[in-house]
């Protein structure tokens, strides 16, 4: 079976540059002045806590996000949005309503996705 790629082909070396980790959202709030952004505080275990902004306000209420253990890209260059810094990106399936990629079982925060 041959699946036609949507994006340019990459090498295993390119893929190895992406650092995807398990984290648990400990707090979430709407970003004042934005109709899209949510501000997440994410626990990455021994790696510490990080603030991550995500454009999922139209899909999820903040209380739905708190306690969610999912996956994040943690080595993106920090990005400033609405005056706040974002230190990563939540990993989700691009669907009509984004679907979060979650470990099948509880996992320690900070573990690497391989």
Protein backbone atom coordinates (compact mmCIF):
# COMPACT_ATOMS: atom_id res chain seq x y z
CA UNK A 1 0.00 0.00 0.00
CA UNK A 2 1.44 3.35 -1.02
CA UNK A 3 0.18 6.44 0.79
CA UNK A 4 0.87 9.70 -0.99
CA UNK A 5 2.66 12.10 1.43
CA UNK A 6 1.05 15.45 2.10
CA UNK A 7 4.23 17.18 3.23
CA UNK A 8 7.79 16.89 1.90
CA UNK A 9 9.63 13.68 2.71
CA UNK A 10 12.02 13.88 5.67
CA UNK A 11 14.87 11.72 6.93
CA UNK A 12 15.10 9.87 10.25
CA UNK A 13 17.62 12.53 11.28
CA UNK A 14 14.97 15.23 10.70
CA UNK A 15 12.46 13.29 12.79
CA UNK A 16 14.95 12.76 15.61
CA UNK A 17 15.13 16.55 16.10
CA UNK A 18 11.53 16.67 17.39
CA UNK A 19 11.27 16.23 21.17
CA UNK A 20 7.78 14.95 22.03
CA UNK A 21 7.02 14.46 25.72
CA UNK A 22 4.15 13.39 27.93
CA UNK A 23 2.75 16.14 30.13
CA UNK A 24 -0.30 16.82 32.29
CA UNK A 25 -2.18 20.11 32.06
CA UNK A 26 -2.40 21.52 35.58
CA UNK A 27 -4.21 24.75 34.75
CA UNK A 28 -5.90 26.32 31.76
CA UNK A 29 -7.45 29.70 31.13
CA UNK A 30 -8.66 31.79 28.22
CA UNK A 31 -6.17 34.42 27.06
CA UNK A 32 -7.67 37.85 27.60
CA UNK A 33 -8.39 39.62 24.31
CA UNK A 34 -8.21 36.43 22.24
CA UNK A 35 -11.06 34.34 20.84
CA UNK A 36 -8.71 31.45 20.00
CA UNK A 37 -5.97 31.07 22.60
CA UNK A 38 -5.89 29.03 25.79
CA UNK A 39 -2.99 29.36 28.21
CA UNK A 40 -1.92 25.99 29.59
CA UNK A 41 0.40 25.27 32.48
CA UNK A 42 1.85 21.81 31.83
CA UNK A 43 3.69 19.53 34.27
CA UNK A 44 6.59 17.69 32.63
CA UNK A 45 7.78 15.94 35.80
CA UNK A 46 11.50 16.36 36.40
CA UNK A 47 11.67 18.76 33.42
CA UNK A 48 9.44 21.18 35.34
CA UNK A 49 6.39 23.22 34.39
CA UNK A 50 5.91 25.06 31.10
CA UNK A 51 3.48 27.62 29.78
CA UNK A 52 2.08 26.56 26.41
CA UNK A 53 -0.44 28.51 24.35
CA UNK A 54 -2.82 26.71 22.05
CA UNK A 55 -5.49 27.90 19.61
CA UNK A 56 -8.16 25.51 20.88
CA UNK A 57 -10.51 27.90 22.66
CA UNK A 58 -13.22 27.34 20.03
CA UNK A 59 -13.15 23.57 20.69
CA UNK A 60 -12.54 23.15 24.42
CA UNK A 61 -13.48 24.92 27.63
CA UNK A 62 -10.60 25.45 30.08
CA UNK A 63 -12.09 23.05 32.63
CA UNK A 64 -12.08 20.27 30.00
CA UNK A 65 -8.31 20.64 29.63
CA UNK A 66 -7.27 20.52 33.31
CA UNK A 67 -5.96 17.09 34.29
CA UNK A 68 -5.51 15.96 30.68
CA UNK A 69 -2.35 13.92 30.13
CA UNK A 70 -1.30 14.18 26.51
CA UNK A 71 1.71 14.78 24.28
CA UNK A 72 3.59 18.00 23.54
CA UNK A 73 6.45 19.14 21.33
CA UNK A 74 8.83 20.73 23.83
CA UNK A 75 11.76 21.89 21.72
CA UNK A 76 10.09 24.50 19.53
CA UNK A 77 11.60 27.96 19.62
CA UNK A 78 9.51 30.02 22.11
CA UNK A 79 6.84 32.09 20.43
CA UNK A 80 5.14 35.24 21.70
CA UNK A 81 1.38 35.51 21.20
CA UNK A 82 -0.89 38.15 22.71
CA UNK A 83 2.04 39.31 24.83
CA UNK A 84 2.62 35.83 26.34
CA UNK A 85 5.41 33.34 25.64
CA UNK A 86 4.62 29.79 24.55
CA UNK A 87 7.26 27.15 25.29
CA UNK A 88 5.97 24.22 23.26
CA UNK A 89 3.02 22.90 21.29
CA UNK A 90 0.28 20.43 22.12
CA UNK A 91 0.27 17.42 19.79
CA UNK A 92 -3.20 16.59 18.41
CA UNK A 93 -4.93 14.95 15.47
CA UNK A 94 -6.19 17.50 12.94
CA UNK A 95 -9.90 16.74 12.91
CA UNK A 96 -13.13 18.75 12.89
CA UNK A 97 -12.50 18.97 16.66
CA UNK A 98 -8.82 18.29 17.51
CA UNK A 99 -8.23 14.91 19.16
CA UNK A 100 -5.47 14.65 21.75
CA UNK A 101 -2.90 11.87 21.58
CA UNK A 102 -2.93 10.22 25.01
CA UNK A 103 -0.90 7.36 26.46
CA UNK A 104 -2.94 4.17 26.64
CA UNK A 105 -1.93 3.89 30.32
CA UNK A 106 -0.85 6.53 32.83
CA UNK A 107 2.70 7.58 32.09
CA UNK A 108 5.21 9.60 34.05
CA UNK A 109 5.20 13.24 33.00
CA UNK A 110 8.29 14.10 30.99
CA UNK A 111 8.70 10.70 29.32
CA UNK A 112 9.83 10.82 25.70
CA UNK A 113 7.50 9.68 22.93
CA UNK A 114 9.43 7.34 20.64
